[in-house]
Amino acid sequence: MKKLKNIPKFKNEKEERNFWLKTDSADHINWKKSKPVAFPKLKPSTATISLRLPESLLNELKTVANKRDVPYQSLIKIFLKERVDSELRNGV
């Protein structure tokens, strides 16, 4: 069996992603000893953005969110996701 290389320490997720894009994992990991694993509470990475909205639209969003008993920012994400999915299904 060949000697496995050490996996370097990464400063951040982006650096690690770039490393694995260019690297054969078999040089670092013995896949024959691997086992399936699940991460049920893993959340996708998020990015913070700044979004300017008319105050009237924001107030309307907050009203709808309040009626649905969800935070307004979560409602915005739900609406955006639904619309993007729709656009992708219909071949933007």
N, C-alpha and C. Protein backbone atom coordinates (compact mmCIF):
# COMPACT_ATOMS: atom_id res chain seq x y z
N MET A 1 0.84 -1.19 0.00
CA MET A 1 0.00 0.00 0.00
C MET A 1 0.87 1.24 0.00
N LYS A 2 0.48 2.23 -0.79
CA LYS A 2 1.29 3.45 -0.87
C LYS A 2 1.08 4.32 0.36
N LYS A 3 2.07 5.11 0.67
CA LYS A 3 2.00 6.03 1.82
C LYS A 3 1.14 7.23 1.44
N LEU A 4 0.18 7.53 2.30
CA LEU A 4 -0.72 8.64 2.04
C LEU A 4 -0.08 9.96 2.44
N LYS A 5 -0.38 10.98 1.66
CA LYS A 5 0.10 12.33 1.96
C LYS A 5 -0.78 12.96 3.03
N ASN A 6 -0.20 13.86 3.83
CA ASN A 6 -0.97 14.58 4.83
C ASN A 6 -1.87 15.60 4.16
N ILE A 7 -3.05 15.80 4.75
CA ILE A 7 -3.96 16.84 4.26
C ILE A 7 -3.55 18.15 4.94
N PRO A 8 -3.31 19.19 4.16
CA PRO A 8 -2.87 20.46 4.77
C PRO A 8 -3.98 21.12 5.58
N LYS A 9 -3.60 22.05 6.44
CA LYS A 9 -4.56 22.88 7.17
C LYS A 9 -4.96 24.02 6.24
N PHE A 10 -6.24 24.35 6.22
CA PHE A 10 -6.73 25.38 5.33
C PHE A 10 -7.17 26.61 6.12
N LYS A 11 -6.97 27.79 5.52
CA LYS A 11 -7.36 29.04 6.16
C LYS A 11 -8.88 29.23 6.14
N ASN A 12 -9.50 28.72 5.07
CA ASN A 12 -10.94 28.89 4.92
C ASN A 12 -11.49 27.85 3.95
N GLU A 13 -12.80 27.86 3.81
CA GLU A 13 -13.47 26.88 2.96
C GLU A 13 -13.08 27.03 1.49
N LYS A 14 -12.91 28.27 1.05
CA LYS A 14 -12.54 28.51 -0.35
C LYS A 14 -11.17 27.89 -0.66
N GLU A 15 -10.23 28.08 0.24
CA GLU A 15 -8.90 27.51 0.03
C GLU A 15 -8.97 25.99 -0.04
N GLU A 16 -9.77 25.38 0.83
CA GLU A 16 -9.91 23.92 0.82
C GLU A 16 -10.58 23.45 -0.48
N ARG A 17 -11.61 24.15 -0.90
CA ARG A 17 -12.30 23.81 -2.14
C ARG A 17 -11.34 23.82 -3.32
N ASN A 18 -10.53 24.87 -3.40
CA ASN A 18 -9.56 24.98 -4.50
C ASN A 18 -8.53 23.85 -4.45
N PHE A 19 -8.11 23.48 -3.25
CA PHE A 19 -7.15 22.38 -3.09
C PHE A 19 -7.72 21.08 -3.66
N TRP A 20 -8.96 20.74 -3.27
CA TRP A 20 -9.55 19.48 -3.70
C TRP A 20 -9.94 19.48 -5.17
N LEU A 21 -10.15 20.65 -5.75
CA LEU A 21 -10.41 20.73 -7.19
C LEU A 21 -9.20 20.29 -8.00
N LYS A 22 -8.01 20.53 -7.46
CA LYS A 22 -6.76 20.25 -8.20
C LYS A 22 -6.05 18.99 -7.71
N THR A 23 -6.58 18.33 -6.69
CA THR A 23 -5.87 17.24 -6.04
C THR A 23 -6.64 15.94 -6.13
N ASP A 24 -5.92 14.85 -6.36
CA ASP A 24 -6.53 13.51 -6.34
C ASP A 24 -6.65 13.09 -4.88
N SER A 25 -7.87 12.94 -4.41
CA SER A 25 -8.08 12.60 -3.00
C SER A 25 -7.48 11.24 -2.63
N ALA A 26 -7.31 10.35 -3.59
CA ALA A 26 -6.74 9.03 -3.31
C ALA A 26 -5.29 9.13 -2.83
N ASP A 27 -4.63 10.26 -3.09
CA ASP A 27 -3.27 10.46 -2.58
C ASP A 27 -3.27 10.79 -1.10
N HIS A 28 -4.45 11.16 -0.55
CA HIS A 28 -4.55 11.61 0.83
C HIS A 28 -5.46 10.77 1.70
N ILE A 29 -6.36 10.00 1.07
CA ILE A 29 -7.38 9.26 1.81
C ILE A 29 -7.43 7.82 1.33
N ASN A 30 -7.50 6.88 2.27
CA ASN A 30 -7.67 5.47 1.94
C ASN A 30 -9.17 5.20 1.83
N TRP A 31 -9.70 5.27 0.62
CA TRP A 31 -11.14 5.15 0.42
C TRP A 31 -11.67 3.75 0.73
N LYS A 32 -10.80 2.75 0.77
CA LYS A 32 -11.25 1.39 1.10
C LYS A 32 -11.70 1.29 2.56
N LYS A 33 -11.23 2.20 3.40
CA LYS A 33 -11.62 2.21 4.81
C LYS A 33 -12.78 3.18 5.07
N SER A 34 -13.28 3.82 4.03
CA SER A 34 -14.33 4.83 4.22
C SER A 34 -15.68 4.18 4.52
N LYS A 35 -16.53 4.94 5.19
CA LYS A 35 -17.88 4.50 5.52
C LYS A 35 -18.85 5.63 5.17
N PRO A 36 -20.07 5.28 4.78
CA PRO A 36 -21.06 6.32 4.49
C PRO A 36 -21.35 7.14 5.75
N VAL A 37 -21.62 8.41 5.55
CA VAL A 37 -21.95 9.28 6.67
C VAL A 37 -23.04 10.25 6.23
N ALA A 38 -23.85 10.69 7.17
CA ALA A 38 -24.92 11.65 6.87
C ALA A 38 -24.75 12.86 7.78
N PHE A 39 -25.06 14.02 7.26
CA PHE A 39 -25.01 15.26 8.02
C PHE A 39 -26.40 15.89 7.96
N PRO A 40 -27.35 15.41 8.78
CA PRO A 40 -28.73 15.87 8.66
C PRO A 40 -28.94 17.34 8.99
N LYS A 41 -28.08 17.95 9.78
CA LYS A 41 -28.28 19.35 10.17
C LYS A 41 -27.34 20.30 9.45
N LEU A 42 -26.66 19.81 8.41
CA LEU A 42 -25.73 20.64 7.67
C LEU A 42 -26.49 21.67 6.85
N LYS A 43 -26.10 22.92 6.98
CA LYS A 43 -26.74 24.00 6.22
C LYS A 43 -25.79 24.48 5.14
N PRO A 44 -26.33 24.86 4.00
CA PRO A 44 -25.45 25.37 2.94
C PRO A 44 -24.79 26.69 3.35
N SER A 45 -23.64 26.94 2.78
CA SER A 45 -22.96 28.20 3.04
C SER A 45 -23.82 29.34 2.54
N THR A 46 -23.75 30.45 3.23
CA THR A 46 -24.52 31.62 2.83
C THR A 46 -23.60 32.81 2.63
N ALA A 47 -24.09 33.77 1.89
CA ALA A 47 -23.36 35.02 1.69
C ALA A 47 -24.27 36.16 2.12
N THR A 48 -23.68 37.14 2.76
CA THR A 48 -24.43 38.32 3.17
C THR A 48 -24.44 39.32 2.03
N ILE A 49 -25.63 39.85 1.73
CA ILE A 49 -25.75 40.85 0.68
C ILE A 49 -26.49 42.06 1.24
N SER A 50 -26.35 43.15 0.55
CA SER A 50 -27.11 44.36 0.88
C SER A 50 -28.10 44.58 -0.25
N LEU A 51 -29.35 44.74 0.11
CA LEU A 51 -30.39 44.86 -0.90
C LEU A 51 -31.26 46.05 -0.55
N ARG A 52 -31.36 46.98 -1.46
CA ARG A 52 -32.20 48.17 -1.24
C ARG A 52 -33.59 47.89 -1.81
N LEU A 53 -34.60 48.07 -0.95
CA LEU A 53 -35.99 47.87 -1.36
C LEU A 53 -36.78 49.12 -1.02
N PRO A 54 -37.78 49.41 -1.82
CA PRO A 54 -38.67 50.51 -1.43
C PRO A 54 -39.30 50.18 -0.07
N GLU A 55 -39.44 51.19 0.78
CA GLU A 55 -39.99 50.95 2.12
C GLU A 55 -41.37 50.32 2.05
N SER A 56 -42.16 50.73 1.07
CA SER A 56 -43.52 50.18 0.96
C SER A 56 -43.47 48.67 0.68
N LEU A 57 -42.55 48.24 -0.19
CA LEU A 57 -42.41 46.81 -0.49
C LEU A 57 -41.94 46.05 0.75
N LEU A 58 -40.98 46.61 1.46
CA LEU A 58 -40.49 45.97 2.68
C LEU A 58 -41.62 45.84 3.70
N ASN A 59 -42.42 46.87 3.85
CA ASN A 59 -43.55 46.81 4.79
C ASN A 59 -44.55 45.74 4.38
N GLU A 60 -44.79 45.63 3.08
CA GLU A 60 -45.71 44.59 2.59
C GLU A 60 -45.15 43.20 2.85
N LEU A 61 -43.86 43.04 2.62
CA LEU A 61 -43.20 41.75 2.90
C LEU A 61 -43.32 41.40 4.38
N LYS A 62 -43.11 42.37 5.23
CA LYS A 62 -43.21 42.13 6.67
C LYS A 62 -44.64 41.76 7.07
N THR A 63 -45.62 42.36 6.43
CA THR A 63 -47.02 42.04 6.71
C THR A 63 -47.32 40.59 6.31
N VAL A 64 -46.90 40.22 5.11
CA VAL A 64 -47.12 38.84 4.64
C VAL A 64 -46.38 37.86 5.55
N ALA A 65 -45.15 38.18 5.89
CA ALA A 65 -44.36 37.30 6.76
C ALA A 65 -45.03 37.13 8.11
N ASN A 66 -45.56 38.22 8.65
CA ASN A 66 -46.25 38.17 9.94
C ASN A 66 -47.48 37.26 9.86
N LYS A 67 -48.23 37.35 8.77
CA LYS A 67 -49.41 36.49 8.59
C LYS A 67 -49.02 35.03 8.50
N ARG A 68 -47.85 34.75 7.90
CA ARG A 68 -47.37 33.36 7.77
C ARG A 68 -46.56 32.91 8.98
N ASP A 69 -46.33 33.84 9.90
CA ASP A 69 -45.56 33.57 11.12
C ASP A 69 -44.14 33.08 10.80
N VAL A 70 -43.49 33.79 9.86
CA VAL A 70 -42.09 33.51 9.53
C VAL A 70 -41.33 34.84 9.52
N PRO A 71 -40.03 34.81 9.78
CA PRO A 71 -39.25 36.05 9.67
C PRO A 71 -39.29 36.57 8.23
N TYR A 72 -39.34 37.88 8.08
CA TYR A 72 -39.48 38.45 6.72
C TYR A 72 -38.29 38.11 5.84
N GLN A 73 -37.08 38.01 6.41
CA GLN A 73 -35.92 37.67 5.59
C GLN A 73 -36.04 36.23 5.08
N SER A 74 -36.58 35.35 5.89
CA SER A 74 -36.81 33.97 5.44
C SER A 74 -37.84 33.94 4.32
N LEU A 75 -38.87 34.76 4.45
CA LEU A 75 -39.89 34.83 3.42
C LEU A 75 -39.29 35.32 2.10
N ILE A 76 -38.43 36.30 2.16
CA ILE A 76 -37.77 36.80 0.95
C ILE A 76 -36.98 35.66 0.29
N LYS A 77 -36.26 34.88 1.09
CA LYS A 77 -35.50 33.75 0.53
C LYS A 77 -36.43 32.72 -0.10
N ILE A 78 -37.56 32.46 0.55
CA ILE A 78 -38.52 31.51 0.00
C ILE A 78 -39.04 32.01 -1.35
N PHE A 79 -39.44 33.27 -1.40
CA PHE A 79 -39.95 33.85 -2.65
C PHE A 79 -38.89 33.81 -3.76
N LEU A 80 -37.66 34.18 -3.41
CA LEU A 80 -36.59 34.16 -4.42
C LEU A 80 -36.34 32.75 -4.93
N LYS A 81 -36.29 31.79 -4.03
CA LYS A 81 -36.04 30.39 -4.42
C LYS A 81 -37.15 29.88 -5.34
N GLU A 82 -38.41 30.16 -4.97
CA GLU A 82 -39.53 29.72 -5.81
C GLU A 82 -39.44 30.33 -7.20
N ARG A 83 -39.11 31.60 -7.28
CA ARG A 83 -39.04 32.28 -8.58
C ARG A 83 -37.88 31.77 -9.42
N VAL A 84 -36.72 31.59 -8.79
CA VAL A 84 -35.55 31.08 -9.53
C VAL A 84 -35.84 29.68 -10.05
N ASP A 85 -36.42 28.82 -9.21
CA ASP A 85 -36.77 27.47 -9.65
C ASP A 85 -37.73 27.52 -10.84
N SER A 86 -38.71 28.40 -10.77
CA SER A 86 -39.68 28.55 -11.85
C SER A 86 -38.98 29.00 -13.15
N GLU A 87 -38.13 29.98 -13.05
CA GLU A 87 -37.39 30.48 -14.22
C GLU A 87 -36.53 29.38 -14.83
N LEU A 88 -35.86 28.60 -13.99
CA LEU A 88 -35.00 27.52 -14.49
C LEU A 88 -35.80 26.42 -15.15
N ARG A 89 -36.98 26.11 -14.60
CA ARG A 89 -37.84 25.09 -15.21
C ARG A 89 -38.33 25.53 -16.58
N ASN A 90 -38.58 26.81 -16.71
CA ASN A 90 -39.14 27.35 -17.97
C ASN A 90 -38.06 27.77 -18.94
N GLY A 91 -36.80 27.44 -18.64
CA GLY A 91 -35.70 27.74 -19.57
C GLY A 91 -35.46 29.21 -19.74
N VAL A 92 -35.02 29.83 -18.71
CA VAL A 92 -34.75 31.28 -18.64
C VAL A 92 -34.44 31.87 -20.00
